[in-house]
Amino acid sequence: MTRSERIGGSNRNKWSGPAGPRTLGMVCAVATAGALLAGCGGESGTQEERAVPASPAASAARAASPSGSASPSGSFGALTEDQAQRKALIPKIKISYDKALNAALKAVPGTKVVSLDLDDDDNGGDPFWEVRVAKADGTASTVRVDAVSGKAGQPQADTDDDADDKSELAALLKTTTVTAQQAAQTALAKQQGTVTAIELDQADDEASASPSSASPSSASPSSASPTSASPSPGTENGRNGNGKPEWSVDVVTSGDWNKTTFDIDATNKKILREHIDTD
């Protein structure tokens, strides 16, 4: 029963009507009881005041506690595994992509760049650039360039390539008029960051002929699949493709450590597709 019910409810109706001499003592008793009830009511009101929600500062303190909504597991600053790897690897680099490309081309004279990729030994070791270059006849080699010292290792010939592989790569290089360096510069003009990969590929006929492939909507997360920057299944460095040659360039931004992949026409430097990898 609440305080209002005790004061204005059935107890009050029980004592309604004129009070006679015979009931004087009872009236006094009622008055005494009323005073006691009023005292109890005041105490109840004090308890209600104590039950008032804590101040904003106290609420904020609870929210910042490990059990609150701002716990580390719900923090917006948490990095994914891939982002953490980029954050750990990229700051170690002393030799940029363009210097690595020049070192590889110098190690194998008379060649053109086919691909470049940043890697490290055993996920945490020293970073290095793996650069693939090829001659006009399609003969390819891989050169490892130290990303700290800039020293190029001994070129390794791609012995797995057969005559058809070499012929297809030679045809791709012949139709490519934009260099790897130019493609990287095109990507960096759109998004400042660190170039971590460059690869020459050949778009299929449908992708290269589609008018919507270069539309702004193609860069939205809903229209660009996470693998949009990867070669089509069964292709490697342009093989088994029938369309125009294109460069795929990865740019990583510091701070959020996201990777943006740009697909760039290898004949006119036009950006065909753009995809941001937030994983």
C-alpha atoms as a PDB file:
ATOM      1  CA  MET A   1       0.000   0.000   0.000  1.00  0.00           C
ATOM      2  CA  THR A   2       1.372   3.401  -0.991  1.00  0.00           C
ATOM      3  CA  ARG A   3       1.548   6.506   1.127  1.00  0.00           C
ATOM      4  CA  SER A   4      -1.381   8.090  -0.726  1.00  0.00           C
ATOM      5  CA  GLU A   5      -3.488   4.990  -0.134  1.00  0.00           C
ATOM      6  CA  ARG A   6      -2.727   5.052   3.591  1.00  0.00           C
ATOM      7  CA  ILE A   7      -3.729   8.740   3.923  1.00  0.00           C
ATOM      8  CA  GLY A   8      -6.736   8.998   1.576  1.00  0.00           C
ATOM      9  CA  GLY A   9      -7.933   5.414   1.352  1.00  0.00           C
ATOM     10  CA  SER A  10     -10.079   3.116   3.447  1.00  0.00           C
ATOM     11  CA  ASN A  11      -8.597   4.189   6.808  1.00  0.00           C
ATOM     12  CA  ARG A  12      -9.902   7.722   6.344  1.00  0.00           C
ATOM     13  CA  ASN A  13     -13.426   6.447   5.489  1.00  0.00           C
ATOM     14  CA  LYS A  14     -13.427   4.271   8.584  1.00  0.00           C
ATOM     15  CA  TRP A  15     -13.128   7.373  10.803  1.00  0.00           C
ATOM     16  CA  SER A  16     -15.492   9.644   8.822  1.00  0.00           C
ATOM     17  CA  GLY A  17     -18.483  11.410  10.540  1.00  0.00           C
ATOM     18  CA  PRO A  18     -18.820  13.608  13.717  1.00  0.00           C
ATOM     19  CA  ALA A  19     -16.746  12.693  16.736  1.00  0.00           C
ATOM     20  CA  GLY A  20     -18.544  12.439  20.075  1.00  0.00           C
ATOM     21  CA  PRO A  21     -17.228  12.458  23.645  1.00  0.00           C
ATOM     22  CA  ARG A  22     -17.065   8.694  23.698  1.00  0.00           C
ATOM     23  CA  THR A  23     -14.709   8.710  20.781  1.00  0.00           C
ATOM     24  CA  LEU A  24     -12.436  11.511  22.003  1.00  0.00           C
ATOM     25  CA  GLY A  25      -9.780   9.105  23.118  1.00  0.00           C
ATOM     26  CA  MET A  26      -9.964   7.328  19.842  1.00  0.00           C
ATOM     27  CA  VAL A  27      -9.591  10.635  17.974  1.00  0.00           C
ATOM     28  CA  CYS A  28      -6.474  11.364  19.969  1.00  0.00           C
ATOM     29  CA  ALA A  29      -5.217   7.948  19.105  1.00  0.00           C
ATOM     30  CA  VAL A  30      -5.968   8.609  15.467  1.00  0.00           C
ATOM     31  CA  ALA A  31      -4.110  11.921  15.656  1.00  0.00           C
ATOM     32  CA  THR A  32      -1.141  10.207  17.191  1.00  0.00           C
ATOM     33  CA  ALA A  33      -1.283   7.512  14.519  1.00  0.00           C
ATOM     34  CA  GLY A  34      -1.508  10.190  11.844  1.00  0.00           C
ATOM     35  CA  ALA A  35       1.594  11.844  13.165  1.00  0.00           C
ATOM     36  CA  LEU A  36       3.376   8.522  13.117  1.00  0.00           C
ATOM     37  CA  LEU A  37       2.179   7.877   9.574  1.00  0.00           C
ATOM     38  CA  ALA A  38       3.391  11.303   8.501  1.00  0.00           C
ATOM     39  CA  GLY A  39       6.761  10.518   9.988  1.00  0.00           C
ATOM     40  CA  CYS A  40       6.871   7.229   8.160  1.00  0.00           C
ATOM     41  CA  GLY A  41       5.815   9.009   4.974  1.00  0.00           C
ATOM     42  CA  GLY A  42       8.719  11.422   5.329  1.00  0.00           C
ATOM     43  CA  GLU A  43      11.079   8.532   5.740  1.00  0.00           C
ATOM     44  CA  SER A  44       9.607   6.823   2.697  1.00  0.00           C
ATOM     45  CA  GLY A  45      10.121  10.007   0.696  1.00  0.00           C
ATOM     46  CA  THR A  46      13.763  10.032   1.770  1.00  0.00           C
ATOM     47  CA  GLN A  47      14.130   6.489   0.498  1.00  0.00           C
ATOM     48  CA  GLU A  48      12.600   7.477  -2.833  1.00  0.00           C
ATOM     49  CA  GLU A  49      15.123  10.318  -3.163  1.00  0.00           C
ATOM     50  CA  ARG A  50      17.893   7.861  -2.522  1.00  0.00           C
ATOM     51  CA  ALA A  51      16.568   5.774  -5.384  1.00  0.00           C
ATOM     52  CA  VAL A  52      16.963   8.616  -7.911  1.00  0.00           C
ATOM     53  CA  PRO A  53      19.223   7.543 -10.826  1.00  0.00           C
ATOM     54  CA  ALA A  54      22.889   8.378 -10.438  1.00  0.00           C
ATOM     55  CA  SER A  55      24.309  11.583 -11.832  1.00  0.00           C
ATOM     56  CA  PRO A  56      25.556  11.717 -15.446  1.00  0.00           C
ATOM     57  CA  ALA A  57      29.142  11.579 -14.227  1.00  0.00           C
ATOM     58  CA  ALA A  58      28.434   8.386 -12.290  1.00  0.00           C
ATOM     59  CA  SER A  59      26.644   6.884 -15.277  1.00  0.00           C
ATOM     60  CA  ALA A  60      29.616   7.714 -17.480  1.00  0.00           C
ATOM     61  CA  ALA A  61      31.950   6.096 -14.990  1.00  0.00           C
ATOM     62  CA  ARG A  62      29.886   2.909 -15.054  1.00  0.00           C
ATOM     63  CA  ALA A  63      29.815   2.998 -18.881  1.00  0.00           C
ATOM     64  CA  ALA A  64      33.610   3.188 -18.979  1.00  0.00           C
ATOM     65  CA  SER A  65      33.999   0.220 -16.647  1.00  0.00           C
ATOM     66  CA  PRO A  66      34.904  -3.233 -18.027  1.00  0.00           C
ATOM     67  CA  SER A  67      31.295  -4.348 -17.590  1.00  0.00           C
ATOM     68  CA  GLY A  68      29.866  -1.247 -19.297  1.00  0.00           C
ATOM     69  CA  SER A  69      28.908  -0.689 -22.891  1.00  0.00           C
ATOM     70  CA  ALA A  70      32.306   0.887 -23.668  1.00  0.00           C
ATOM     71  CA  SER A  71      34.220  -2.308 -23.023  1.00  0.00           C
ATOM     72  CA  PRO A  72      37.218  -3.138 -25.235  1.00  0.00           C
ATOM     73  CA  SER A  73      35.211  -5.778 -27.131  1.00  0.00           C
ATOM     74  CA  GLY A  74      32.857  -3.048 -28.381  1.00  0.00           C
ATOM     75  CA  SER A  75      35.532  -0.491 -29.168  1.00  0.00           C
ATOM     76  CA  PHE A  76      35.482   1.081 -32.635  1.00  0.00           C
ATOM     77  CA  GLY A  77      39.274   1.222 -32.578  1.00  0.00           C
ATOM     78  CA  ALA A  78      39.780  -2.537 -32.787  1.00  0.00           C
ATOM     79  CA  LEU A  79      41.709  -3.766 -35.867  1.00  0.00           C
ATOM     80  CA  THR A  80      40.991  -6.877 -37.889  1.00  0.00           C
ATOM     81  CA  GLU A  81      43.712  -9.469 -38.318  1.00  0.00           C
ATOM     82  CA  ASP A  82      44.628  -8.193 -41.796  1.00  0.00           C
ATOM     83  CA  GLN A  83      44.693  -4.569 -40.633  1.00  0.00           C
ATOM     84  CA  ALA A  84      46.919  -5.516 -37.687  1.00  0.00           C
ATOM     85  CA  GLN A  85      49.337  -7.279 -40.048  1.00  0.00           C
ATOM     86  CA  ARG A  86      49.515  -4.217 -42.292  1.00  0.00           C
ATOM     87  CA  LYS A  87      50.095  -1.977 -39.282  1.00  0.00           C
ATOM     88  CA  ALA A  88      52.950  -4.216 -38.115  1.00  0.00           C
ATOM     89  CA  LEU A  89      54.591  -4.617 -41.540  1.00  0.00           C
ATOM     90  CA  ILE A  90      54.332  -1.316 -43.417  1.00  0.00           C
ATOM     91  CA  PRO A  91      56.189   0.903 -40.914  1.00  0.00           C
ATOM     92  CA  LYS A  92      59.233  -1.370 -41.331  1.00  0.00           C
ATOM     93  CA  ILE A  93      59.577  -0.470 -45.010  1.00  0.00           C
ATOM     94  CA  LYS A  94      62.545   1.735 -45.925  1.00  0.00           C
ATOM     95  CA  ILE A  95      62.494   1.053 -49.678  1.00  0.00           C
ATOM     96  CA  SER A  96      59.342   2.170 -51.498  1.00  0.00           C
ATOM     97  CA  TYR A  97      57.671   0.271 -54.330  1.00  0.00           C
ATOM     98  CA  ASP A  98      59.220   2.409 -57.095  1.00  0.00           C
ATOM     99  CA  LYS A  99      62.760   1.825 -55.851  1.00  0.00           C
ATOM    100  CA  ALA A 100      62.041  -1.888 -55.630  1.00  0.00           C
ATOM    101  CA  LEU A 101      60.809  -1.890 -59.224  1.00  0.00           C
ATOM    102  CA  ASN A 102      63.959  -0.111 -60.416  1.00  0.00           C
ATOM    103  CA  ALA A 103      66.164  -2.563 -58.503  1.00  0.00           C
ATOM    104  CA  ALA A 104      64.433  -5.548 -60.118  1.00  0.00           C
ATOM    105  CA  LEU A 105      64.615  -4.083 -63.624  1.00  0.00           C
ATOM    106  CA  LYS A 106      68.296  -3.397 -63.088  1.00  0.00           C
ATOM    107  CA  ALA A 107      68.857  -6.986 -61.925  1.00  0.00           C
ATOM    108  CA  VAL A 108      67.272  -8.342 -65.126  1.00  0.00           C
ATOM    109  CA  PRO A 109      68.023  -5.897 -67.962  1.00  0.00           C
ATOM    110  CA  GLY A 110      65.680  -5.678 -70.935  1.00  0.00           C
ATOM    111  CA  THR A 111      62.546  -6.638 -69.008  1.00  0.00           C
ATOM    112  CA  LYS A 112      59.212  -5.091 -67.996  1.00  0.00           C
ATOM    113  CA  VAL A 113      57.394  -5.375 -64.682  1.00  0.00           C
ATOM    114  CA  VAL A 114      54.580  -7.915 -64.471  1.00  0.00           C
ATOM    115  CA  SER A 115      53.845  -7.779 -60.750  1.00  0.00           C
ATOM    116  CA  LEU A 116      55.075  -6.558 -57.369  1.00  0.00           C
ATOM    117  CA  ASP A 117      54.025  -7.680 -53.902  1.00  0.00           C
ATOM    118  CA  LEU A 118      55.050  -6.751 -50.357  1.00  0.00           C
ATOM    119  CA  ASP A 119      55.671  -9.703 -48.055  1.00  0.00           C
ATOM    120  CA  ASP A 120      57.674 -10.786 -45.029  1.00  0.00           C
ATOM    121  CA  ASP A 121      59.323 -13.930 -43.710  1.00  0.00           C
ATOM    122  CA  ASP A 122      57.107 -16.037 -41.471  1.00  0.00           C
ATOM    123  CA  ASN A 123      54.554 -13.261 -40.819  1.00  0.00           C
ATOM    124  CA  GLY A 124      56.613 -10.965 -38.664  1.00  0.00           C
ATOM    125  CA  GLY A 125      60.071 -11.129 -40.166  1.00  0.00           C
ATOM    126  CA  ASP A 126      61.886  -8.595 -42.310  1.00  0.00           C
ATOM    127  CA  PRO A 127      59.791  -7.148 -45.154  1.00  0.00           C
ATOM    128  CA  PHE A 128      60.741  -7.676 -48.797  1.00  0.00           C
ATOM    129  CA  TRP A 129      59.364  -6.933 -52.240  1.00  0.00           C
ATOM    130  CA  GLU A 130      58.761  -9.805 -54.649  1.00  0.00           C
ATOM    131  CA  VAL A 131      58.960  -8.449 -58.198  1.00  0.00           C
ATOM    132  CA  ARG A 132      58.132 -10.428 -61.327  1.00  0.00           C
ATOM    133  CA  VAL A 133      59.616  -9.168 -64.593  1.00  0.00           C
ATOM    134  CA  ALA A 134      59.511 -10.526 -68.122  1.00  0.00           C
ATOM    135  CA  LYS A 135      61.256 -10.061 -71.459  1.00  0.00           C
ATOM    136  CA  ALA A 136      59.416  -9.282 -74.684  1.00  0.00           C
ATOM    137  CA  ASP A 137      59.256 -13.001 -75.577  1.00  0.00           C
ATOM    138  CA  GLY A 138      57.428 -13.789 -72.304  1.00  0.00           C
ATOM    139  CA  THR A 139      60.383 -15.244 -70.426  1.00  0.00           C
ATOM    140  CA  ALA A 140      59.737 -14.314 -66.797  1.00  0.00           C
ATOM    141  CA  SER A 141      61.891 -14.102 -63.666  1.00  0.00           C
ATOM    142  CA  THR A 142      61.230 -13.240 -60.031  1.00  0.00           C
ATOM    143  CA  VAL A 143      63.494 -10.916 -58.069  1.00  0.00           C
ATOM    144  CA  ARG A 144      63.375 -10.499 -54.302  1.00  0.00           C
ATOM    145  CA  VAL A 145      64.264  -6.984 -53.126  1.00  0.00           C
ATOM    146  CA  ASP A 146      64.985  -6.286 -49.461  1.00  0.00           C
ATOM    147  CA  ALA A 147      62.480  -3.626 -48.317  1.00  0.00           C
ATOM    148  CA  VAL A 148      64.951  -2.262 -45.764  1.00  0.00           C
ATOM    149  CA  SER A 149      68.282  -2.221 -47.573  1.00  0.00           C
ATOM    150  CA  GLY A 150      67.038  -2.157 -51.173  1.00  0.00           C
ATOM    151  CA  LYS A 151      69.390  -4.983 -52.151  1.00  0.00           C
ATOM    152  CA  ALA A 152      68.140  -7.206 -54.966  1.00  0.00           C
ATOM    153  CA  GLY A 153      68.644 -10.941 -54.732  1.00  0.00           C
ATOM    154  CA  GLN A 154      69.564 -13.351 -57.490  1.00  0.00           C
ATOM    155  CA  PRO A 155      66.809 -13.506 -60.162  1.00  0.00           C
ATOM    156  CA  GLN A 156      64.910 -16.781 -60.241  1.00  0.00           C
ATOM    157  CA  ALA A 157      63.652 -17.955 -63.648  1.00  0.00           C
ATOM    158  CA  ASP A 158      60.021 -19.100 -63.833  1.00  0.00           C
ATOM    159  CA  THR A 159      60.709 -22.660 -64.946  1.00  0.00           C
ATOM    160  CA  ASP A 160      57.049 -23.691 -64.758  1.00  0.00           C
ATOM    161  CA  ASP A 161      56.120 -21.588 -67.801  1.00  0.00           C
ATOM    162  CA  ASP A 162      55.657 -23.532 -71.026  1.00  0.00           C
ATOM    163  CA  ALA A 163      55.683 -22.171 -74.581  1.00  0.00           C
ATOM    164  CA  ASP A 164      51.995 -21.220 -74.486  1.00  0.00           C
ATOM    165  CA  ASP A 165      52.443 -19.362 -71.197  1.00  0.00           C
ATOM    166  CA  LYS A 166      55.302 -17.354 -72.627  1.00  0.00           C
ATOM    167  CA  SER A 167      53.396 -16.597 -75.800  1.00  0.00           C
ATOM    168  CA  GLU A 168      50.352 -15.316 -73.890  1.00  0.00           C
ATOM    169  CA  LEU A 169      52.470 -13.180 -71.574  1.00  0.00           C
ATOM    170  CA  ALA A 170      54.378 -11.755 -74.540  1.00  0.00           C
ATOM    171  CA  ALA A 171      51.090 -10.777 -76.217  1.00  0.00           C
ATOM    172  CA  LEU A 172      49.907  -9.116 -72.993  1.00  0.00           C
ATOM    173  CA  LEU A 173      53.094  -7.097 -72.621  1.00  0.00           C
ATOM    174  CA  LYS A 174      52.870  -6.017 -76.262  1.00  0.00           C
ATOM    175  CA  THR A 175      49.409  -4.484 -75.772  1.00  0.00           C
ATOM    176  CA  THR A 176      50.337  -2.823 -72.477  1.00  0.00           C
ATOM    177  CA  THR A 177      51.353   0.802 -72.904  1.00  0.00           C
ATOM    178  CA  VAL A 178      51.040   1.977 -69.280  1.00  0.00           C
ATOM    179  CA  THR A 179      53.919   0.989 -67.014  1.00  0.00           C
ATOM    180  CA  ALA A 180      53.598  -0.348 -63.488  1.00  0.00           C
ATOM    181  CA  GLN A 181      55.010   2.913 -62.146  1.00  0.00           C
ATOM    182  CA  GLN A 182      52.428   4.958 -64.064  1.00  0.00           C
ATOM    183  CA  ALA A 183      49.587   2.760 -62.818  1.00  0.00           C
ATOM    184  CA  ALA A 184      50.767   3.187 -59.220  1.00  0.00           C
ATOM    185  CA  GLN A 185      50.963   6.960 -59.645  1.00  0.00           C
ATOM    186  CA  THR A 186      47.410   6.975 -61.003  1.00  0.00           C
ATOM    187  CA  ALA A 187      46.177   5.095 -57.933  1.00  0.00           C
ATOM    188  CA  LEU A 188      48.091   7.369 -55.541  1.00  0.00           C
ATOM    189  CA  ALA A 189      46.599  10.439 -57.203  1.00  0.00           C
ATOM    190  CA  LYS A 190      43.184   9.110 -56.175  1.00  0.00           C
ATOM    191  CA  GLN A 191      44.158   7.765 -52.748  1.00  0.00           C
ATOM    192  CA  GLN A 192      47.275   8.735 -50.796  1.00  0.00           C
ATOM    193  CA  GLY A 193      48.929   5.866 -48.950  1.00  0.00           C
ATOM    194  CA  THR A 194      51.481   3.086 -49.374  1.00  0.00           C
ATOM    195  CA  VAL A 195      51.501   0.936 -52.505  1.00  0.00           C
ATOM    196  CA  THR A 196      51.792  -2.690 -51.411  1.00  0.00           C
ATOM    197  CA  ALA A 197      50.982  -4.603 -54.611  1.00  0.00           C
ATOM    198  CA  ILE A 198      50.851  -4.131 -58.370  1.00  0.00           C
ATOM    199  CA  GLU A 199      49.791  -6.777 -60.876  1.00  0.00           C
ATOM    200  CA  LEU A 200      49.255  -6.879 -64.626  1.00  0.00           C
ATOM    201  CA  ASP A 201      46.220  -8.863 -65.673  1.00  0.00           C
ATOM    202  CA  GLN A 202      43.871  -9.170 -68.592  1.00  0.00           C
ATOM    203  CA  ALA A 203      40.185  -8.388 -68.145  1.00  0.00           C
ATOM    204  CA  ASP A 204      37.647 -10.729 -69.652  1.00  0.00           C
ATOM    205  CA  ASP A 205      35.583  -9.424 -72.553  1.00  0.00           C
ATOM    206  CA  GLU A 206      32.471  -8.781 -70.449  1.00  0.00           C
ATOM    207  CA  ALA A 207      34.312  -6.718 -67.815  1.00  0.00           C
ATOM    208  CA  SER A 208      36.307  -4.677 -70.305  1.00  0.00           C
ATOM    209  CA  ALA A 209      33.304  -3.960 -72.529  1.00  0.00           C
ATOM    210  CA  SER A 210      30.785  -3.171 -69.779  1.00  0.00           C
ATOM    211  CA  PRO A 211      29.939   0.575 -69.695  1.00  0.00           C
ATOM    212  CA  SER A 212      29.045   0.363 -66.022  1.00  0.00           C
ATOM    213  CA  SER A 213      32.393  -1.048 -64.990  1.00  0.00           C
ATOM    214  CA  ALA A 214      33.819   2.451 -64.623  1.00  0.00           C
ATOM    215  CA  SER A 215      30.725   4.044 -63.065  1.00  0.00           C
ATOM    216  CA  PRO A 216      30.936   5.649 -59.607  1.00  0.00           C
ATOM    217  CA  SER A 217      28.560   3.034 -58.206  1.00  0.00           C
ATOM    218  CA  SER A 218      31.100   0.332 -58.922  1.00  0.00           C
ATOM    219  CA  ALA A 219      33.194   1.667 -56.057  1.00  0.00           C
ATOM    220  CA  SER A 220      30.441   1.221 -53.499  1.00  0.00           C
ATOM    221  CA  PRO A 221      30.718  -1.677 -51.004  1.00  0.00           C
ATOM    222  CA  SER A 222      27.443  -3.150 -52.248  1.00  0.00           C
ATOM    223  CA  SER A 223      28.559  -3.360 -55.888  1.00  0.00           C
ATOM    224  CA  ALA A 224      32.224  -4.282 -55.470  1.00  0.00           C
ATOM    225  CA  SER A 225      32.934  -7.779 -54.256  1.00  0.00           C
ATOM    226  CA  PRO A 226      35.859  -8.374 -51.876  1.00  0.00           C
ATOM    227  CA  THR A 227      37.664 -10.203 -54.700  1.00  0.00           C
ATOM    228  CA  SER A 228      37.046  -7.591 -57.391  1.00  0.00           C
ATOM    229  CA  ALA A 229      40.748  -6.768 -57.491  1.00  0.00           C
ATOM    230  CA  SER A 230      41.844 -10.375 -57.825  1.00  0.00           C
ATOM    231  CA  PRO A 231      42.498 -12.138 -61.141  1.00  0.00           C
ATOM    232  CA  SER A 232      39.624 -14.200 -62.471  1.00  0.00           C
ATOM    233  CA  PRO A 233      39.633 -17.898 -61.556  1.00  0.00           C
ATOM    234  CA  GLY A 234      42.174 -19.747 -63.641  1.00  0.00           C
ATOM    235  CA  THR A 235      44.137 -16.656 -64.606  1.00  0.00           C
ATOM    236  CA  GLU A 236      47.517 -15.432 -63.503  1.00  0.00           C
ATOM    237  CA  ASN A 237      49.149 -12.268 -64.759  1.00  0.00           C
ATOM    238  CA  GLY A 238      46.723 -12.021 -67.656  1.00  0.00           C
ATOM    239  CA  ARG A 239      46.707 -15.608 -68.844  1.00  0.00           C
ATOM    240  CA  ASN A 240      43.458 -17.138 -70.112  1.00  0.00           C
ATOM    241  CA  GLY A 241      41.941 -13.664 -70.489  1.00  0.00           C
ATOM    242  CA  ASN A 242      40.612 -12.226 -73.727  1.00  0.00           C
ATOM    243  CA  GLY A 243      40.040  -8.540 -72.948  1.00  0.00           C
ATOM    244  CA  LYS A 244      42.154  -5.450 -72.466  1.00  0.00           C
ATOM    245  CA  PRO A 245      45.198  -5.477 -70.198  1.00  0.00           C
ATOM    246  CA  GLU A 246      44.741  -3.802 -66.835  1.00  0.00           C
ATOM    247  CA  TRP A 247      46.764  -3.107 -63.728  1.00  0.00           C
ATOM    248  CA  SER A 248      45.578  -3.909 -60.219  1.00  0.00           C
ATOM    249  CA  VAL A 249      47.133  -1.613 -57.587  1.00  0.00           C
ATOM    250  CA  ASP A 250      46.738  -1.943 -53.805  1.00  0.00           C
ATOM    251  CA  VAL A 251      47.088   1.189 -51.642  1.00  0.00           C
ATOM    252  CA  VAL A 252      47.049   0.980 -47.828  1.00  0.00           C
ATOM    253  CA  THR A 253      46.132   4.015 -45.751  1.00  0.00           C
ATOM    254  CA  SER A 254      47.687   4.534 -42.332  1.00  0.00           C
ATOM    255  CA  GLY A 255      45.418   5.164 -39.379  1.00  0.00           C
ATOM    256  CA  ASP A 256      42.605   2.814 -40.390  1.00  0.00           C
ATOM    257  CA  TRP A 257      44.992   0.444 -42.266  1.00  0.00           C
ATOM    258  CA  ASN A 258      42.392  -0.285 -44.916  1.00  0.00           C
ATOM    259  CA  LYS A 259      43.413  -1.465 -48.371  1.00  0.00           C
ATOM    260  CA  THR A 260      41.996   0.132 -51.498  1.00  0.00           C
ATOM    261  CA  THR A 261      42.379  -1.768 -54.777  1.00  0.00           C
ATOM    262  CA  PHE A 262      42.290   0.113 -58.076  1.00  0.00           C
ATOM    263  CA  ASP A 263      41.825  -1.627 -61.434  1.00  0.00           C
ATOM    264  CA  ILE A 264      43.416   0.600 -64.063  1.00  0.00           C
ATOM    265  CA  ASP A 265      43.272   0.321 -67.843  1.00  0.00           C
ATOM    266  CA  ALA A 266      46.806  -0.549 -68.979  1.00  0.00           C
ATOM    267  CA  THR A 267      46.381   1.368 -72.235  1.00  0.00           C
ATOM    268  CA  ASN A 268      45.068   4.752 -71.062  1.00  0.00           C
ATOM    269  CA  LYS A 269      45.446   4.903 -67.216  1.00  0.00           C
ATOM    270  CA  LYS A 270      41.684   5.128 -66.716  1.00  0.00           C
ATOM    271  CA  ILE A 271      40.435   3.804 -63.352  1.00  0.00           C
ATOM    272  CA  LEU A 272      37.957   1.033 -64.109  1.00  0.00           C
ATOM    273  CA  ARG A 273      37.035  -0.158 -60.638  1.00  0.00           C
ATOM    274  CA  GLU A 274      37.767   0.720 -57.020  1.00  0.00           C
ATOM    275  CA  HIS A 275      37.248  -1.439 -53.939  1.00  0.00           C
ATOM    276  CA  ILE A 276      37.982  -0.715 -50.262  1.00  0.00           C
ATOM    277  CA  ASP A 277      38.886  -3.735 -48.159  1.00  0.00           C
ATOM    278  CA  THR A 278      38.054  -2.965 -44.528  1.00  0.00           C
ATOM    279  CA  ASP A 279      38.853  -6.494 -43.280  1.00  0.00           C
END
